[in-house]
């Protein structure tokens, strides 16, 4: 069951990234395989790097009532874009818009998957 949950989460992340790339110009993948690798890399970055950024930016996050988290998410996407060959995040604006769209799309897809299982 744990493996199935991991695979479903990975699939939702990949689909969310692909949908975001379809919507946001400057947020592009060379191939489906690149999206799969980017989803895994984003998961690892969110697990290990994002908590450090979250703690360092906590005062700003509190002052902006949580909106600064979109900036943190954009930086994580931009980082993954630099780490994964074939995944292009063409600047901060596509990263910021991508983080917003990615949050909405992944939330909707997670709700759909959760209700379907």
N, C-alpha and C. Protein backbone atom coordinates (compact mmCIF):
# COMPACT_ATOMS: atom_id res chain seq x y z
N UNK A 1 0.81 -1.19 0.00
CA UNK A 1 0.00 0.00 0.00
C UNK A 1 0.86 1.26 0.00
N UNK A 2 1.99 1.22 0.71
CA UNK A 2 2.90 2.36 0.77
C UNK A 2 3.47 2.68 -0.61
N UNK A 3 3.82 1.64 -1.35
CA UNK A 3 4.36 1.83 -2.69
C UNK A 3 3.29 2.42 -3.61
N UNK A 4 2.06 1.94 -3.49
CA UNK A 4 0.97 2.47 -4.30
C UNK A 4 0.74 3.95 -4.01
N UNK A 5 0.77 4.34 -2.74
CA UNK A 5 0.61 5.75 -2.37
C UNK A 5 1.73 6.60 -2.95
N UNK A 6 2.96 6.08 -2.87
CA UNK A 6 4.11 6.80 -3.44
C UNK A 6 3.94 6.98 -4.95
N UNK A 7 3.55 5.92 -5.64
CA UNK A 7 3.37 6.00 -7.09
C UNK A 7 2.24 6.94 -7.48
N UNK A 8 1.14 6.92 -6.73
CA UNK A 8 0.04 7.85 -7.00
C UNK A 8 0.46 9.30 -6.77
N UNK A 9 1.21 9.53 -5.71
CA UNK A 9 1.70 10.88 -5.43
C UNK A 9 2.63 11.36 -6.54
N UNK A 10 3.51 10.47 -6.98
CA UNK A 10 4.45 10.79 -8.06
C UNK A 10 3.70 11.07 -9.36
N UNK A 11 2.68 10.27 -9.64
CA UNK A 11 1.88 10.46 -10.84
C UNK A 11 1.13 11.79 -10.80
N UNK A 12 0.56 12.13 -9.64
CA UNK A 12 -0.14 13.41 -9.49
C UNK A 12 0.84 14.57 -9.66
N UNK A 13 2.03 14.44 -9.09
CA UNK A 13 3.03 15.50 -9.23
C UNK A 13 3.45 15.68 -10.68
N UNK A 14 3.65 14.56 -11.38
CA UNK A 14 4.03 14.62 -12.80
C UNK A 14 2.92 15.26 -13.63
N UNK A 15 1.70 14.82 -13.42
CA UNK A 15 0.56 15.39 -14.15
C UNK A 15 0.40 16.87 -13.84
N UNK A 16 0.59 17.25 -12.59
CA UNK A 16 0.48 18.65 -12.21
C UNK A 16 1.53 19.50 -12.90
N UNK A 17 2.75 18.99 -12.96
CA UNK A 17 3.82 19.72 -13.65
C UNK A 17 3.53 19.85 -15.14
N UNK A 18 3.03 18.79 -15.75
CA UNK A 18 2.71 18.84 -17.19
C UNK A 18 1.58 19.82 -17.48
N UNK A 19 0.56 19.82 -16.64
CA UNK A 19 -0.56 20.76 -16.82
C UNK A 19 -0.07 22.19 -16.63
N UNK A 20 0.78 22.40 -15.63
CA UNK A 20 1.34 23.73 -15.40
C UNK A 20 2.17 24.18 -16.59
N UNK A 21 2.95 23.27 -17.16
CA UNK A 21 3.76 23.61 -18.34
C UNK A 21 2.87 23.96 -19.53
N UNK A 22 1.72 23.35 -19.62
CA UNK A 22 0.77 23.64 -20.70
C UNK A 22 0.18 25.05 -20.54
N UNK A 23 0.00 25.48 -19.30
CA UNK A 23 -0.66 26.75 -19.02
C UNK A 23 0.32 27.93 -19.00
N UNK A 24 1.49 27.74 -18.43
CA UNK A 24 2.43 28.84 -18.19
C UNK A 24 3.52 28.88 -19.26
N UNK A 25 3.63 29.98 -20.02
CA UNK A 25 4.74 30.10 -20.96
C UNK A 25 6.07 30.26 -20.20
N UNK A 26 7.12 29.67 -20.72
CA UNK A 26 8.41 29.73 -20.05
C UNK A 26 8.59 28.65 -19.00
N UNK A 27 7.68 27.71 -18.97
CA UNK A 27 7.71 26.58 -18.03
C UNK A 27 7.53 25.35 -18.91
N UNK A 28 8.65 24.73 -19.32
CA UNK A 28 8.60 23.74 -20.40
C UNK A 28 9.40 22.48 -20.08
N UNK A 29 8.95 21.38 -20.68
CA UNK A 29 9.64 20.10 -20.59
C UNK A 29 10.00 19.63 -22.00
N UNK A 30 11.18 19.00 -22.12
CA UNK A 30 11.57 18.40 -23.40
C UNK A 30 10.76 17.16 -23.71
N UNK A 31 10.44 16.39 -22.65
CA UNK A 31 9.75 15.12 -22.85
C UNK A 31 8.97 14.74 -21.59
N UNK A 32 8.16 13.71 -21.74
CA UNK A 32 7.42 13.18 -20.60
C UNK A 32 8.38 12.63 -19.56
N UNK A 33 9.45 11.97 -20.01
CA UNK A 33 10.45 11.42 -19.08
C UNK A 33 11.08 12.53 -18.24
N UNK A 34 11.31 13.67 -18.86
CA UNK A 34 11.87 14.81 -18.12
C UNK A 34 10.90 15.26 -17.03
N UNK A 35 9.61 15.25 -17.33
CA UNK A 35 8.60 15.62 -16.32
C UNK A 35 8.60 14.64 -15.16
N UNK A 36 8.79 13.36 -15.45
CA UNK A 36 8.84 12.35 -14.40
C UNK A 36 10.04 12.60 -13.48
N UNK A 37 11.20 12.87 -14.09
CA UNK A 37 12.41 13.14 -13.31
C UNK A 37 12.25 14.44 -12.52
N UNK A 38 11.65 15.45 -13.14
CA UNK A 38 11.44 16.73 -12.45
C UNK A 38 10.50 16.57 -11.26
N UNK A 39 9.47 15.75 -11.41
CA UNK A 39 8.54 15.51 -10.29
C UNK A 39 9.26 14.85 -9.12
N UNK A 40 10.10 13.87 -9.42
CA UNK A 40 10.86 13.21 -8.36
C UNK A 40 11.85 14.18 -7.72
N UNK A 41 12.54 14.96 -8.54
CA UNK A 41 13.50 15.93 -8.02
C UNK A 41 12.80 17.00 -7.19
N UNK A 42 11.65 17.46 -7.65
CA UNK A 42 10.90 18.46 -6.88
C UNK A 42 10.47 17.88 -5.53
N UNK A 43 10.08 16.63 -5.52
CA UNK A 43 9.73 15.98 -4.26
C UNK A 43 10.90 15.93 -3.30
N UNK A 44 12.08 15.60 -3.82
CA UNK A 44 13.28 15.56 -2.97
C UNK A 44 13.67 16.95 -2.49
N UNK A 45 13.61 17.93 -3.37
CA UNK A 45 13.93 19.31 -2.99
C UNK A 45 12.94 19.80 -1.93
N UNK A 46 11.66 19.50 -2.12
CA UNK A 46 10.65 19.90 -1.13
C UNK A 46 10.84 19.20 0.20
N UNK A 47 11.39 17.99 0.17
CA UNK A 47 11.60 17.24 1.41
C UNK A 47 12.84 17.72 2.17
N UNK A 48 13.89 18.13 1.44
CA UNK A 48 15.16 18.42 2.12
C UNK A 48 15.56 19.89 2.11
N UNK A 49 15.31 20.62 1.03
CA UNK A 49 15.76 22.01 0.93
C UNK A 49 14.68 22.98 1.40
N UNK A 50 13.44 22.74 1.00
CA UNK A 50 12.34 23.66 1.31
C UNK A 50 12.17 23.90 2.81
N UNK A 51 12.30 22.88 3.68
CA UNK A 51 12.16 23.16 5.12
C UNK A 51 13.18 24.17 5.63
N UNK A 52 14.38 24.15 5.08
CA UNK A 52 15.40 25.13 5.50
C UNK A 52 14.97 26.53 5.07
N UNK A 53 14.53 26.66 3.81
CA UNK A 53 14.04 27.95 3.33
C UNK A 53 12.83 28.41 4.13
N UNK A 54 11.97 27.48 4.47
CA UNK A 54 10.77 27.82 5.24
C UNK A 54 11.14 28.42 6.59
N UNK A 55 12.08 27.81 7.28
CA UNK A 55 12.50 28.31 8.59
C UNK A 55 13.17 29.67 8.46
N UNK A 56 14.04 29.82 7.44
CA UNK A 56 14.74 31.09 7.26
C UNK A 56 13.79 32.24 6.88
N UNK A 57 12.71 31.92 6.21
CA UNK A 57 11.78 32.96 5.75
C UNK A 57 10.50 33.03 6.58
N UNK A 58 10.48 32.35 7.71
CA UNK A 58 9.28 32.32 8.54
C UNK A 58 8.77 33.71 8.93
N UNK A 59 9.64 34.65 9.32
CA UNK A 59 9.11 35.98 9.65
C UNK A 59 8.39 36.64 8.46
N UNK A 60 8.95 36.52 7.26
CA UNK A 60 8.29 37.09 6.08
C UNK A 60 6.98 36.37 5.77
N UNK A 61 6.98 35.08 5.98
CA UNK A 61 5.76 34.30 5.75
C UNK A 61 4.66 34.75 6.71
N UNK A 62 5.02 34.98 7.94
CA UNK A 62 4.03 35.44 8.93
C UNK A 62 3.54 36.85 8.58
N UNK A 63 4.47 37.74 8.21
CA UNK A 63 4.08 39.11 7.86
C UNK A 63 3.16 39.17 6.64
N UNK A 64 3.35 38.25 5.70
CA UNK A 64 2.53 38.26 4.48
C UNK A 64 1.36 37.29 4.57
N UNK A 65 1.10 36.80 5.77
CA UNK A 65 -0.01 35.86 6.00
C UNK A 65 0.09 34.62 5.11
N UNK A 66 1.30 34.15 4.90
CA UNK A 66 1.52 32.92 4.15
C UNK A 66 1.77 33.10 2.67
N UNK A 67 1.55 34.29 2.14
CA UNK A 67 1.73 34.49 0.71
C UNK A 67 3.19 34.35 0.27
N UNK A 68 4.12 34.58 1.19
CA UNK A 68 5.53 34.45 0.84
C UNK A 68 5.89 33.00 0.50
N UNK A 69 5.06 32.06 0.91
CA UNK A 69 5.31 30.66 0.56
C UNK A 69 5.30 30.44 -0.95
N UNK A 70 4.53 31.26 -1.68
CA UNK A 70 4.57 31.16 -3.14
C UNK A 70 5.95 31.54 -3.67
N UNK A 71 6.61 32.49 -3.02
CA UNK A 71 7.98 32.87 -3.41
C UNK A 71 8.92 31.71 -3.13
N UNK A 72 8.79 31.10 -1.96
CA UNK A 72 9.62 29.94 -1.61
C UNK A 72 9.39 28.81 -2.61
N UNK A 73 8.13 28.53 -2.93
CA UNK A 73 7.82 27.49 -3.92
C UNK A 73 8.40 27.83 -5.28
N UNK A 74 8.34 29.11 -5.66
CA UNK A 74 8.91 29.54 -6.94
C UNK A 74 10.41 29.30 -6.96
N UNK A 75 11.08 29.60 -5.87
CA UNK A 75 12.53 29.36 -5.80
C UNK A 75 12.85 27.87 -5.90
N UNK A 76 12.02 27.03 -5.30
CA UNK A 76 12.24 25.59 -5.39
C UNK A 76 12.05 25.10 -6.83
N UNK A 77 11.03 25.62 -7.51
CA UNK A 77 10.81 25.26 -8.92
C UNK A 77 11.97 25.73 -9.79
N UNK A 78 12.43 26.93 -9.52
CA UNK A 78 13.55 27.48 -10.28
C UNK A 78 14.81 26.63 -10.05
N UNK A 79 15.02 26.20 -8.82
CA UNK A 79 16.14 25.32 -8.50
C UNK A 79 16.04 24.01 -9.26
N UNK A 80 14.87 23.40 -9.25
CA UNK A 80 14.67 22.13 -9.96
C UNK A 80 14.87 22.34 -11.46
N UNK A 81 14.42 23.48 -11.98
CA UNK A 81 14.64 23.79 -13.39
C UNK A 81 16.12 23.86 -13.73
N UNK A 82 16.94 24.29 -12.79
CA UNK A 82 18.38 24.32 -13.00
C UNK A 82 19.03 22.96 -12.84
N UNK A 83 18.43 22.09 -12.05
CA UNK A 83 19.01 20.77 -11.79
C UNK A 83 18.65 19.72 -12.83
N UNK A 84 17.47 19.81 -13.40
CA UNK A 84 16.98 18.76 -14.31
C UNK A 84 17.17 19.22 -15.76
N UNK A 85 18.05 18.55 -16.50
CA UNK A 85 18.21 18.89 -17.92
C UNK A 85 16.91 18.63 -18.68
N UNK A 86 16.53 19.58 -19.51
CA UNK A 86 15.30 19.43 -20.28
C UNK A 86 14.08 20.05 -19.63
N UNK A 87 14.24 20.56 -18.41
CA UNK A 87 13.16 21.26 -17.72
C UNK A 87 13.56 22.73 -17.66
N UNK A 88 12.80 23.57 -18.36
CA UNK A 88 13.12 24.99 -18.45
C UNK A 88 12.13 25.80 -17.64
N UNK A 89 12.67 26.57 -16.72
CA UNK A 89 11.90 27.60 -16.03
C UNK A 89 12.60 28.90 -16.39
N UNK A 90 12.00 29.65 -17.32
CA UNK A 90 12.67 30.78 -17.97
C UNK A 90 12.60 32.06 -17.16
N UNK A 91 12.94 32.00 -15.89
CA UNK A 91 12.96 33.20 -15.07
C UNK A 91 12.08 33.09 -13.85
N UNK A 92 12.11 34.17 -13.06
CA UNK A 92 11.37 34.14 -11.80
C UNK A 92 9.86 34.24 -12.01
N UNK A 93 9.43 35.04 -12.97
CA UNK A 93 7.98 35.20 -13.18
C UNK A 93 7.32 33.88 -13.59
N UNK A 94 7.89 33.13 -14.56
CA UNK A 94 7.30 31.82 -14.84
C UNK A 94 7.34 30.88 -13.62
N UNK A 95 8.40 31.00 -12.82
CA UNK A 95 8.49 30.17 -11.61
C UNK A 95 7.39 30.55 -10.62
N UNK A 96 7.16 31.84 -10.44
CA UNK A 96 6.13 32.29 -9.50
C UNK A 96 4.73 31.91 -9.99
N UNK A 97 4.44 32.20 -11.26
CA UNK A 97 3.14 31.81 -11.81
C UNK A 97 2.99 30.29 -11.79
N UNK A 98 4.08 29.60 -12.11
CA UNK A 98 4.05 28.14 -12.08
C UNK A 98 3.79 27.60 -10.69
N UNK A 99 4.35 28.24 -9.67
CA UNK A 99 4.12 27.75 -8.30
C UNK A 99 2.65 27.92 -7.91
N UNK A 100 2.04 29.00 -8.35
CA UNK A 100 0.63 29.23 -8.03
C UNK A 100 -0.25 28.21 -8.75
N UNK A 101 -0.02 28.06 -10.07
CA UNK A 101 -0.82 27.11 -10.85
C UNK A 101 -0.57 25.69 -10.37
N UNK A 102 0.69 25.36 -10.08
CA UNK A 102 1.04 24.01 -9.62
C UNK A 102 0.34 23.69 -8.30
N UNK A 103 0.26 24.66 -7.41
CA UNK A 103 -0.43 24.45 -6.14
C UNK A 103 -1.90 24.14 -6.36
N UNK A 104 -2.54 24.92 -7.20
CA UNK A 104 -3.97 24.72 -7.47
C UNK A 104 -4.21 23.38 -8.15
N UNK A 105 -3.44 23.11 -9.21
CA UNK A 105 -3.64 21.88 -9.98
C UNK A 105 -3.36 20.65 -9.14
N UNK A 106 -2.27 20.65 -8.39
CA UNK A 106 -1.94 19.47 -7.58
C UNK A 106 -2.97 19.25 -6.47
N UNK A 107 -3.49 20.33 -5.89
CA UNK A 107 -4.53 20.19 -4.87
C UNK A 107 -5.78 19.55 -5.45
N UNK A 108 -6.20 20.03 -6.62
CA UNK A 108 -7.39 19.47 -7.27
C UNK A 108 -7.16 18.00 -7.62
N UNK A 109 -6.01 17.69 -8.22
CA UNK A 109 -5.74 16.30 -8.60
C UNK A 109 -5.64 15.38 -7.38
N UNK A 110 -5.03 15.87 -6.30
CA UNK A 110 -4.96 15.07 -5.08
C UNK A 110 -6.34 14.78 -4.52
N UNK A 111 -7.23 15.76 -4.57
CA UNK A 111 -8.61 15.54 -4.10
C UNK A 111 -9.33 14.52 -4.98
N UNK A 112 -9.12 14.60 -6.28
CA UNK A 112 -9.75 13.64 -7.20
C UNK A 112 -9.24 12.23 -6.93
N UNK A 113 -7.92 12.09 -6.77
CA UNK A 113 -7.34 10.76 -6.52
C UNK A 113 -7.79 10.23 -5.17
N UNK A 114 -7.81 11.10 -4.16
CA UNK A 114 -8.22 10.67 -2.82
C UNK A 114 -9.67 10.19 -2.83
N UNK A 115 -10.54 10.88 -3.55
CA UNK A 115 -11.95 10.48 -3.62
C UNK A 115 -12.15 9.24 -4.47
N UNK A 116 -11.26 9.00 -5.42
CA UNK A 116 -11.39 7.83 -6.30
C UNK A 116 -10.88 6.55 -5.64
N UNK A 117 -10.00 6.68 -4.65
CA UNK A 117 -9.43 5.48 -4.02
C UNK A 117 -10.11 5.16 -2.72
